[in-house]
Amino acid sequence: MDDLNNLYLQYYTDAKSELRRLGCNSYLFKDIYHEAFIILMDKKKNSTVERSYNFTYVITLCKNLWSKERRNPEKVEISEEMELIDEQEGKSNDGLRLLLLKHLENLSSTCREILKLYSKGFNENKIASIMKLGDVKAVKNKKHRCKEKLQTAIEKDPLFDKIYG
């Protein structure tokens, strides 16, 4: 596993540059890069042959995952909107928006998507349909847990006390 950790750190910057060049934003890049290494860990765990993974292999895997993501326009649109800060809201909410973006990034991609769709006014039925989660009750529960995680993380952040303390 240590060799995969080293690969993760070694190729991170170059992979990010390559995927950014292809139009991938930083939110999706992190998800894609993590997913690529999950795939590599699974391959390593399930393989009887010792393999080494080079830069080309890692980049190709990331590019393939990015291509797959681009085929789901709703997911790309959601993450792109999360990356933008709405300039029209004024400077008064900059601190809160900064905290929100900082801690949204730390949530799982599923949580980010559910919260973004919810904030855009989608109901649980539509969210379940878009994200293929099936059960509306599951969406409600997941949304509630995600909101609690986000709120707790924001309130624990030292910047929160500086802004609202």
Protein backbone atom coordinates (compact mmCIF):
# COMPACT_ATOMS: atom_id res chain seq x y z
CA MET A 1 0.00 0.00 0.00
CA ASP A 2 2.90 2.37 0.67
CA ASP A 3 3.84 2.32 -3.00
CA LEU A 4 0.29 3.43 -3.91
CA ASN A 5 0.47 6.22 -1.33
CA ASN A 6 3.73 7.37 -2.88
CA LEU A 7 2.21 7.20 -6.37
CA TYR A 8 -0.79 9.17 -5.14
CA LEU A 9 1.42 12.01 -3.94
CA GLN A 10 3.89 11.76 -6.80
CA TYR A 11 1.33 12.09 -9.62
CA TYR A 12 -1.28 14.33 -7.98
CA THR A 13 -0.08 17.69 -9.38
CA ASP A 14 0.59 16.39 -12.88
CA ALA A 15 -2.71 14.52 -13.03
CA LYS A 16 -4.56 17.62 -11.83
CA SER A 17 -2.89 19.75 -14.52
CA GLU A 18 -3.71 17.22 -17.22
CA LEU A 19 -7.37 16.89 -16.25
CA ARG A 20 -7.74 20.66 -15.79
CA ARG A 21 -6.41 21.02 -19.34
CA LEU A 22 -9.24 18.73 -20.44
CA GLY A 23 -11.84 20.88 -18.63
CA CYS A 24 -12.16 19.07 -15.32
CA ASN A 25 -12.70 21.32 -12.30
CA SER A 26 -11.02 20.84 -8.94
CA TYR A 27 -14.08 19.32 -7.25
CA LEU A 28 -14.46 16.58 -9.81
CA PHE A 29 -10.71 16.08 -10.10
CA LYS A 30 -10.45 15.09 -6.45
CA ASP A 31 -13.30 12.61 -6.83
CA ILE A 32 -11.82 11.19 -10.02
CA TYR A 33 -8.31 10.94 -8.58
CA HIS A 34 -9.57 9.23 -5.44
CA GLU A 35 -11.68 6.86 -7.50
CA ALA A 36 -8.66 6.02 -9.68
CA PHE A 37 -6.65 5.05 -6.63
CA ILE A 38 -9.50 3.03 -5.19
CA ILE A 39 -9.49 1.10 -8.47
CA LEU A 40 -5.72 0.66 -8.24
CA MET A 41 -5.96 -0.58 -4.64
CA ASP A 42 -8.65 -3.08 -5.65
CA LYS A 43 -6.52 -4.30 -8.57
CA LYS A 44 -3.49 -4.64 -6.34
CA LYS A 45 -5.47 -6.47 -3.66
CA ASN A 46 -7.13 -8.86 -6.12
CA SER A 47 -4.07 -9.54 -8.25
CA THR A 48 -1.74 -12.45 -7.69
CA VAL A 49 0.90 -10.80 -9.89
CA GLU A 50 2.95 -7.93 -8.47
CA ARG A 51 2.35 -4.84 -10.61
CA SER A 52 3.85 -1.43 -10.77
CA TYR A 53 1.74 1.45 -11.98
CA ASN A 54 3.44 4.18 -13.94
CA PHE A 55 2.41 7.74 -14.69
CA THR A 56 0.88 6.86 -18.06
CA TYR A 57 -1.34 4.20 -16.50
CA VAL A 58 -2.57 6.52 -13.74
CA ILE A 59 -3.24 9.41 -16.16
CA THR A 60 -5.05 7.14 -18.61
CA LEU A 61 -7.22 5.81 -15.81
CA CYS A 62 -8.03 9.36 -14.68
CA LYS A 63 -8.81 10.45 -18.26
CA ASN A 64 -11.15 7.48 -18.71
CA LEU A 65 -12.95 8.30 -15.46
CA TRP A 66 -13.21 11.96 -16.55
CA SER A 67 -14.71 10.88 -19.89
CA LYS A 68 -17.24 8.80 -17.98
CA GLU A 69 -18.10 11.79 -15.75
CA ARG A 70 -18.61 14.06 -18.75
CA ARG A 71 -21.27 11.71 -20.04
CA ASN A 72 -23.35 12.64 -16.96
CA PRO A 73 -24.01 16.37 -17.59
CA GLU A 74 -26.05 16.86 -14.41
CA LYS A 75 -23.13 15.80 -12.26
CA VAL A 76 -20.66 18.04 -14.09
CA GLU A 77 -23.05 21.01 -13.92
CA ILE A 78 -23.52 20.58 -10.18
CA SER A 79 -19.82 20.50 -9.42
CA GLU A 80 -19.11 23.46 -11.71
CA GLU A 81 -21.73 25.51 -9.92
CA MET A 82 -20.21 24.60 -6.57
CA GLU A 83 -16.87 25.95 -7.76
CA LEU A 84 -18.33 29.35 -8.60
CA ILE A 85 -18.96 31.96 -5.94
CA ASP A 86 -21.91 34.15 -6.80
CA GLU A 87 -20.48 37.67 -7.03
CA GLN A 88 -23.91 39.31 -6.89
CA GLU A 89 -24.54 38.40 -3.25
CA GLY A 90 -22.10 41.06 -2.07
CA LYS A 91 -19.14 40.96 0.25
CA SER A 92 -21.10 40.47 3.49
CA ASN A 93 -21.45 36.73 2.99
CA ASP A 94 -17.90 36.09 1.76
CA GLY A 95 -16.79 34.50 5.03
CA LEU A 96 -19.80 32.22 5.20
CA ARG A 97 -19.47 31.30 1.53
CA LEU A 98 -15.78 30.56 2.03
CA LEU A 99 -16.61 28.27 4.97
CA LEU A 100 -19.41 26.63 3.02
CA LEU A 101 -17.22 25.93 -0.01
CA LYS A 102 -14.34 24.75 2.16
CA HIS A 103 -16.45 22.24 4.04
CA LEU A 104 -18.61 21.21 1.06
CA GLU A 105 -15.41 20.08 -0.60
CA ASN A 106 -14.71 17.75 2.33
CA LEU A 107 -18.10 16.03 2.05
CA SER A 108 -18.56 13.00 -0.16
CA SER A 109 -19.53 13.65 -3.77
CA THR A 110 -22.97 12.16 -3.04
CA CYS A 111 -23.53 14.59 -0.17
CA ARG A 112 -22.41 17.54 -2.28
CA GLU A 113 -24.74 16.56 -5.09
CA ILE A 114 -27.75 16.01 -2.82
CA LEU A 115 -27.26 19.34 -1.06
CA LYS A 116 -26.73 21.21 -4.32
CA LEU A 117 -29.85 19.73 -5.90
CA TYR A 118 -31.82 20.46 -2.75
CA SER A 119 -30.60 24.07 -2.72
CA LYS A 120 -31.73 24.41 -6.34
CA GLY A 121 -35.25 23.47 -5.27
CA PHE A 122 -35.38 19.84 -6.36
CA ASN A 123 -37.63 17.65 -4.21
CA GLU A 124 -36.57 14.28 -2.83
CA ASN A 125 -38.34 12.37 -5.63
CA LYS A 126 -36.44 14.27 -8.32
CA ILE A 127 -33.13 13.93 -6.46
CA ALA A 128 -33.66 10.19 -6.09
CA SER A 129 -34.40 9.97 -9.82
CA ILE A 130 -31.43 12.11 -10.94
CA MET A 131 -28.95 10.34 -8.68
CA LYS A 132 -30.51 6.91 -9.14
CA LEU A 133 -30.79 6.41 -5.38
CA GLY A 134 -34.14 4.68 -5.55
CA ASP A 135 -35.92 5.32 -2.29
CA VAL A 136 -37.16 8.82 -1.33
CA LYS A 137 -36.77 8.05 2.36
CA ALA A 138 -33.10 7.25 1.77
CA VAL A 139 -32.64 10.63 0.09
CA LYS A 140 -34.30 12.42 3.03
CA ASN A 141 -32.10 10.59 5.53
CA LYS A 142 -28.94 11.17 3.52
CA LYS A 143 -29.77 14.86 3.03
CA HIS A 144 -30.33 15.28 6.77
CA ARG A 145 -27.04 13.54 7.64
CA CYS A 146 -25.15 15.58 5.05
CA LYS A 147 -26.58 18.86 6.33
CA GLU A 148 -25.67 17.91 9.89
CA LYS A 149 -22.10 17.02 8.88
CA LEU A 150 -21.74 20.29 6.99
CA GLN A 151 -23.17 22.39 9.80
CA THR A 152 -21.01 20.69 12.43
CA ALA A 153 -17.86 21.13 10.34
CA ILE A 154 -18.61 24.82 9.72
CA GLU A 155 -19.36 25.51 13.38
CA LYS A 156 -16.13 23.80 14.50
CA ASP A 157 -14.03 25.86 12.08
CA PRO A 158 -12.06 28.63 13.85
CA LEU A 159 -13.05 31.06 11.09
CA PHE A 160 -16.69 30.61 12.10
CA ASP A 161 -15.94 32.07 15.54
CA LYS A 162 -14.08 34.99 13.99
CA ILE A 163 -17.03 35.79 11.74
CA TYR A 164 -19.89 35.19 14.15
CA GLY A 165 -18.14 35.10 17.53
